C-alpha cells in the first residue's frame, strides 16, 4: 500500500510541476457488480464492491495520447444471498 501511495504522489508531483500541459493525472472509482445466473436481478447493491483506479496520460499530439493506469477491485457472488437457487451452493470471488 505504501508503494502505491508513493507512486501516486510522485505521479501527481510530476504532473503538477511540469512546465507543459502534456501530462494529465486521472482518478476513478465506482462500484463493481456481477451480472449472471447467481443473481436474480441484473443490478443489485447487496453483492457489489467498490473499485478505485488512477493513471497518467501523455498528450503527444492533438490526436495521439499515451495512457498508463491501473484499477483495483473485487467481484464476487454467492447463491446463499439469492432466493432462487440456494440449493446449488455456488459462489466465487475474483480480485
N, C-alpha and C. Protein backbone atom coordinates (compact mmCIF):
# COMPACT_ATOMS: atom_id res chain seq x y z
N UNK A 1 0.82 -1.19 0.00
CA UNK A 1 0.00 0.00 0.00
C UNK A 1 0.87 1.25 0.00
N UNK A 2 1.99 1.20 0.73
CA UNK A 2 2.89 2.36 0.76
C UNK A 2 3.48 2.61 -0.61
N UNK A 3 3.74 1.52 -1.36
CA UNK A 3 4.30 1.65 -2.70
C UNK A 3 3.31 2.36 -3.63
N UNK A 4 2.05 1.97 -3.56
CA UNK A 4 1.03 2.58 -4.42
C UNK A 4 0.86 4.06 -4.07
N UNK A 5 0.84 4.37 -2.77
CA UNK A 5 0.70 5.76 -2.35
C UNK A 5 1.87 6.61 -2.82
N UNK A 6 3.10 6.09 -2.68
CA UNK A 6 4.27 6.86 -3.12
C UNK A 6 4.29 7.01 -4.63
N UNK A 7 3.82 5.99 -5.36
CA UNK A 7 3.75 6.09 -6.82
C UNK A 7 2.74 7.16 -7.23
N UNK A 8 1.57 7.18 -6.60
CA UNK A 8 0.57 8.19 -6.92
C UNK A 8 1.05 9.59 -6.57
N UNK A 9 1.73 9.70 -5.45
CA UNK A 9 2.25 11.00 -5.04
C UNK A 9 3.31 11.51 -6.02
N UNK A 10 4.18 10.62 -6.47
CA UNK A 10 5.20 11.06 -7.43
C UNK A 10 4.59 11.37 -8.80
N UNK A 11 3.54 10.63 -9.20
CA UNK A 11 2.85 10.95 -10.46
C UNK A 11 2.17 12.31 -10.36
N UNK A 12 1.56 12.58 -9.21
CA UNK A 12 0.92 13.87 -9.01
C UNK A 12 1.94 15.00 -9.04
N UNK A 13 3.09 14.78 -8.40
CA UNK A 13 4.15 15.80 -8.40
C UNK A 13 4.67 16.02 -9.81
N UNK A 14 4.82 14.95 -10.57
CA UNK A 14 5.28 15.07 -11.95
C UNK A 14 4.31 15.91 -12.78
N UNK A 15 3.01 15.67 -12.58
CA UNK A 15 2.00 16.43 -13.33
C UNK A 15 1.92 17.88 -12.86
N UNK A 16 2.07 18.09 -11.57
CA UNK A 16 1.90 19.43 -11.03
C UNK A 16 3.06 20.36 -11.37
N UNK A 17 4.26 19.84 -11.38
CA UNK A 17 5.43 20.67 -11.56
C UNK A 17 5.97 20.68 -12.98
N UNK A 18 5.31 20.00 -13.90
CA UNK A 18 5.78 20.04 -15.28
C UNK A 18 5.42 21.39 -15.90
N UNK A 19 6.27 21.88 -16.79
CA UNK A 19 6.05 23.21 -17.37
C UNK A 19 5.02 23.18 -18.48
N UNK A 20 4.89 22.06 -19.15
CA UNK A 20 3.91 21.96 -20.23
C UNK A 20 2.66 21.26 -19.72
N UNK A 21 1.60 21.35 -20.46
CA UNK A 21 0.34 20.70 -20.09
C UNK A 21 0.20 19.37 -20.79
N UNK A 22 1.30 18.67 -21.03
CA UNK A 22 1.25 17.41 -21.78
C UNK A 22 0.87 16.22 -20.91
N UNK A 23 1.14 16.27 -19.60
CA UNK A 23 0.82 15.16 -18.71
C UNK A 23 -0.47 15.45 -17.97
N UNK A 24 -1.31 14.43 -17.83
CA UNK A 24 -2.58 14.56 -17.12
C UNK A 24 -2.74 13.37 -16.19
N UNK A 25 -3.16 13.61 -14.98
CA UNK A 25 -3.42 12.58 -13.98
C UNK A 25 -4.92 12.41 -13.85
N UNK A 26 -5.37 11.16 -13.80
CA UNK A 26 -6.80 10.93 -13.59
C UNK A 26 -7.02 9.92 -12.48
N UNK A 27 -8.11 10.10 -11.76
CA UNK A 27 -8.54 9.20 -10.70
C UNK A 27 -9.96 8.76 -11.01
N UNK A 28 -10.28 7.51 -10.72
CA UNK A 28 -11.60 6.99 -10.99
C UNK A 28 -12.04 6.07 -9.86
N UNK A 29 -13.32 5.86 -9.76
CA UNK A 29 -13.86 4.98 -8.74
C UNK A 29 -15.30 4.65 -9.04
N UNK A 30 -15.80 3.64 -8.39
CA UNK A 30 -17.18 3.25 -8.63
C UNK A 30 -17.53 1.97 -7.93
N UNK A 31 -18.47 1.25 -8.52
CA UNK A 31 -18.99 0.02 -7.94
C UNK A 31 -18.89 -1.09 -8.98
N UNK A 32 -18.41 -2.27 -8.55
CA UNK A 32 -18.36 -3.46 -9.40
C UNK A 32 -19.52 -4.36 -9.01
N UNK A 33 -20.24 -4.88 -10.00
CA UNK A 33 -21.39 -5.72 -9.74
C UNK A 33 -21.39 -6.89 -10.72
N UNK A 34 -21.65 -8.10 -10.23
CA UNK A 34 -21.75 -9.29 -11.07
C UNK A 34 -23.14 -9.36 -11.69
N UNK A 35 -23.20 -9.66 -12.99
CA UNK A 35 -24.48 -9.81 -13.69
C UNK A 35 -24.52 -11.19 -14.33
N UNK A 36 -25.01 -12.16 -13.60
CA UNK A 36 -25.05 -13.51 -14.13
C UNK A 36 -26.14 -14.33 -13.47
N UNK A 37 -26.02 -15.66 -13.59
CA UNK A 37 -27.07 -16.53 -13.08
C UNK A 37 -27.05 -16.71 -11.57
N UNK A 38 -26.05 -16.19 -10.88
CA UNK A 38 -26.02 -16.27 -9.42
C UNK A 38 -26.84 -15.17 -8.76
N UNK A 39 -27.36 -14.24 -9.55
CA UNK A 39 -28.21 -13.18 -9.02
C UNK A 39 -29.52 -13.15 -9.80
N UNK A 40 -30.60 -12.92 -9.09
CA UNK A 40 -31.91 -12.88 -9.74
C UNK A 40 -32.09 -11.61 -10.56
N UNK A 41 -31.62 -10.48 -10.06
CA UNK A 41 -31.75 -9.21 -10.78
C UNK A 41 -30.47 -8.90 -11.54
N UNK A 42 -30.58 -8.07 -12.55
CA UNK A 42 -29.40 -7.69 -13.32
C UNK A 42 -28.49 -6.76 -12.52
N UNK A 43 -29.07 -5.84 -11.76
CA UNK A 43 -28.27 -4.95 -10.93
C UNK A 43 -28.84 -4.92 -9.53
N UNK A 44 -27.99 -5.17 -8.57
CA UNK A 44 -28.37 -5.10 -7.17
C UNK A 44 -27.15 -4.67 -6.37
N UNK A 45 -27.36 -3.97 -5.30
CA UNK A 45 -26.25 -3.47 -4.50
C UNK A 45 -25.86 -4.41 -3.36
N UNK A 46 -26.59 -5.51 -3.15
CA UNK A 46 -26.29 -6.34 -1.98
C UNK A 46 -25.01 -7.15 -2.13
N UNK A 47 -24.49 -7.37 -3.34
CA UNK A 47 -23.23 -8.08 -3.54
C UNK A 47 -22.23 -7.24 -4.34
N UNK A 48 -22.38 -5.94 -4.32
CA UNK A 48 -21.48 -5.05 -5.05
C UNK A 48 -20.27 -4.70 -4.19
N UNK A 49 -19.17 -4.35 -4.87
CA UNK A 49 -17.93 -3.97 -4.19
C UNK A 49 -17.38 -2.70 -4.83
N UNK A 50 -16.68 -1.88 -4.06
CA UNK A 50 -16.10 -0.66 -4.63
C UNK A 50 -14.83 -0.97 -5.42
N UNK A 51 -14.49 -0.09 -6.35
CA UNK A 51 -13.21 -0.16 -7.05
C UNK A 51 -12.63 1.22 -7.14
N UNK A 52 -11.31 1.28 -7.35
CA UNK A 52 -10.61 2.55 -7.49
C UNK A 52 -9.54 2.40 -8.55
N UNK A 53 -9.20 3.49 -9.17
CA UNK A 53 -8.16 3.46 -10.19
C UNK A 53 -7.51 4.82 -10.34
N UNK A 54 -6.32 4.80 -10.92
CA UNK A 54 -5.58 6.03 -11.16
C UNK A 54 -4.70 5.82 -12.38
N UNK A 55 -4.32 6.90 -12.97
CA UNK A 55 -3.46 6.77 -14.14
C UNK A 55 -2.91 8.11 -14.59
N UNK A 56 -2.14 8.01 -15.63
CA UNK A 56 -1.46 9.16 -16.19
C UNK A 56 -1.53 9.03 -17.70
N UNK A 57 -1.85 10.11 -18.37
CA UNK A 57 -1.73 10.07 -19.82
C UNK A 57 -0.95 11.26 -20.33
N UNK A 58 -0.26 10.99 -21.44
CA UNK A 58 0.62 11.97 -22.05
C UNK A 58 0.06 12.36 -23.41
N UNK A 59 -0.07 13.64 -23.63
CA UNK A 59 -0.61 14.18 -24.88
C UNK A 59 0.56 14.45 -25.83
N UNK A 60 0.84 13.48 -26.71
CA UNK A 60 1.96 13.61 -27.63
C UNK A 60 1.65 14.63 -28.73
N UNK A 61 0.48 14.52 -29.33
CA UNK A 61 0.00 15.49 -30.30
C UNK A 61 -1.46 15.79 -29.97
N UNK A 62 -2.12 16.55 -30.83
CA UNK A 62 -3.54 16.85 -30.59
C UNK A 62 -4.42 15.60 -30.68
N UNK A 63 -3.96 14.60 -31.45
CA UNK A 63 -4.78 13.41 -31.68
C UNK A 63 -4.14 12.12 -31.18
N UNK A 64 -2.98 12.18 -30.56
CA UNK A 64 -2.28 10.98 -30.10
C UNK A 64 -1.97 11.10 -28.61
N UNK A 65 -2.54 10.19 -27.82
CA UNK A 65 -2.34 10.17 -26.37
C UNK A 65 -1.77 8.80 -25.99
N UNK A 66 -0.88 8.79 -25.01
CA UNK A 66 -0.38 7.56 -24.42
C UNK A 66 -0.89 7.52 -22.97
N UNK A 67 -1.43 6.36 -22.59
CA UNK A 67 -2.05 6.27 -21.27
C UNK A 67 -1.50 5.09 -20.50
N UNK A 68 -1.27 5.30 -19.21
CA UNK A 68 -0.83 4.26 -18.30
C UNK A 68 -1.69 4.37 -17.05
N UNK A 69 -2.30 3.26 -16.65
CA UNK A 69 -3.16 3.32 -15.49
C UNK A 69 -3.40 1.96 -14.89
N UNK A 70 -4.02 1.94 -13.74
CA UNK A 70 -4.37 0.69 -13.08
C UNK A 70 -5.69 0.86 -12.35
N UNK A 71 -6.37 -0.26 -12.14
CA UNK A 71 -7.60 -0.29 -11.36
C UNK A 71 -7.54 -1.49 -10.42
N UNK A 72 -8.15 -1.34 -9.27
CA UNK A 72 -8.17 -2.41 -8.30
C UNK A 72 -9.60 -2.55 -7.77
N UNK A 73 -10.04 -3.79 -7.64
CA UNK A 73 -11.39 -4.05 -7.15
C UNK A 73 -11.61 -5.54 -6.97
N UNK A 74 -12.80 -5.91 -6.57
CA UNK A 74 -13.15 -7.30 -6.34
C UNK A 74 -14.58 -7.53 -6.83
N UNK A 75 -14.79 -8.65 -7.52
CA UNK A 75 -16.14 -9.04 -7.94
C UNK A 75 -16.41 -10.42 -7.34
N UNK A 76 -17.61 -10.60 -6.82
CA UNK A 76 -17.98 -11.89 -6.22
C UNK A 76 -19.49 -12.04 -6.24
N UNK A 77 -19.92 -13.28 -6.06
CA UNK A 77 -21.34 -13.58 -5.94
C UNK A 77 -21.50 -14.90 -5.21
N UNK A 78 -22.67 -15.09 -4.62
CA UNK A 78 -22.91 -16.29 -3.82
C UNK A 78 -24.39 -16.64 -3.89
N UNK A 79 -24.68 -17.95 -4.03
CA UNK A 79 -26.07 -18.41 -4.08
C UNK A 79 -26.79 -18.25 -2.74
N UNK A 80 -26.06 -18.17 -1.64
CA UNK A 80 -26.75 -18.08 -0.35
C UNK A 80 -27.50 -16.76 -0.19
N UNK A 81 -27.16 -15.74 -1.01
CA UNK A 81 -27.88 -14.47 -0.97
C UNK A 81 -29.03 -14.43 -1.99
N UNK A 82 -29.13 -15.43 -2.83
CA UNK A 82 -30.18 -15.49 -3.85
C UNK A 82 -31.39 -16.25 -3.30
N UNK A 83 -32.57 -15.83 -3.70
CA UNK A 83 -33.78 -16.51 -3.25
C UNK A 83 -34.17 -17.64 -4.19
N UNK A 84 -33.59 -17.69 -5.39
CA UNK A 84 -33.99 -18.68 -6.39
C UNK A 84 -33.21 -19.99 -6.29
N UNK A 85 -31.89 -19.92 -6.14
CA UNK A 85 -31.05 -21.11 -6.29
C UNK A 85 -30.16 -21.36 -5.08
N UNK A 86 -30.69 -21.32 -3.89
CA UNK A 86 -29.87 -21.52 -2.71
C UNK A 86 -29.38 -22.95 -2.58
N UNK A 87 -30.10 -23.91 -3.15
CA UNK A 87 -29.71 -25.31 -3.03
C UNK A 87 -28.48 -25.67 -3.87
N UNK A 88 -28.11 -24.85 -4.88
CA UNK A 88 -26.91 -25.13 -5.68
C UNK A 88 -25.63 -24.90 -4.91
N UNK A 89 -25.62 -23.91 -4.03
CA UNK A 89 -24.46 -23.56 -3.20
C UNK A 89 -23.23 -23.19 -4.05
N UNK A 90 -23.44 -22.39 -5.08
CA UNK A 90 -22.35 -21.90 -5.91
C UNK A 90 -21.89 -20.54 -5.42
N UNK A 91 -20.58 -20.26 -5.53
CA UNK A 91 -20.05 -18.96 -5.20
C UNK A 91 -18.69 -18.79 -5.85
N UNK A 92 -18.23 -17.54 -5.97
CA UNK A 92 -16.90 -17.24 -6.50
C UNK A 92 -16.45 -15.89 -5.99
N UNK A 93 -15.14 -15.67 -6.03
CA UNK A 93 -14.52 -14.38 -5.71
C UNK A 93 -13.37 -14.16 -6.69
N UNK A 94 -13.25 -12.97 -7.19
CA UNK A 94 -12.13 -12.61 -8.07
C UNK A 94 -11.64 -11.22 -7.67
N UNK A 95 -10.35 -11.09 -7.48
CA UNK A 95 -9.77 -9.80 -7.10
C UNK A 95 -8.96 -9.23 -8.24
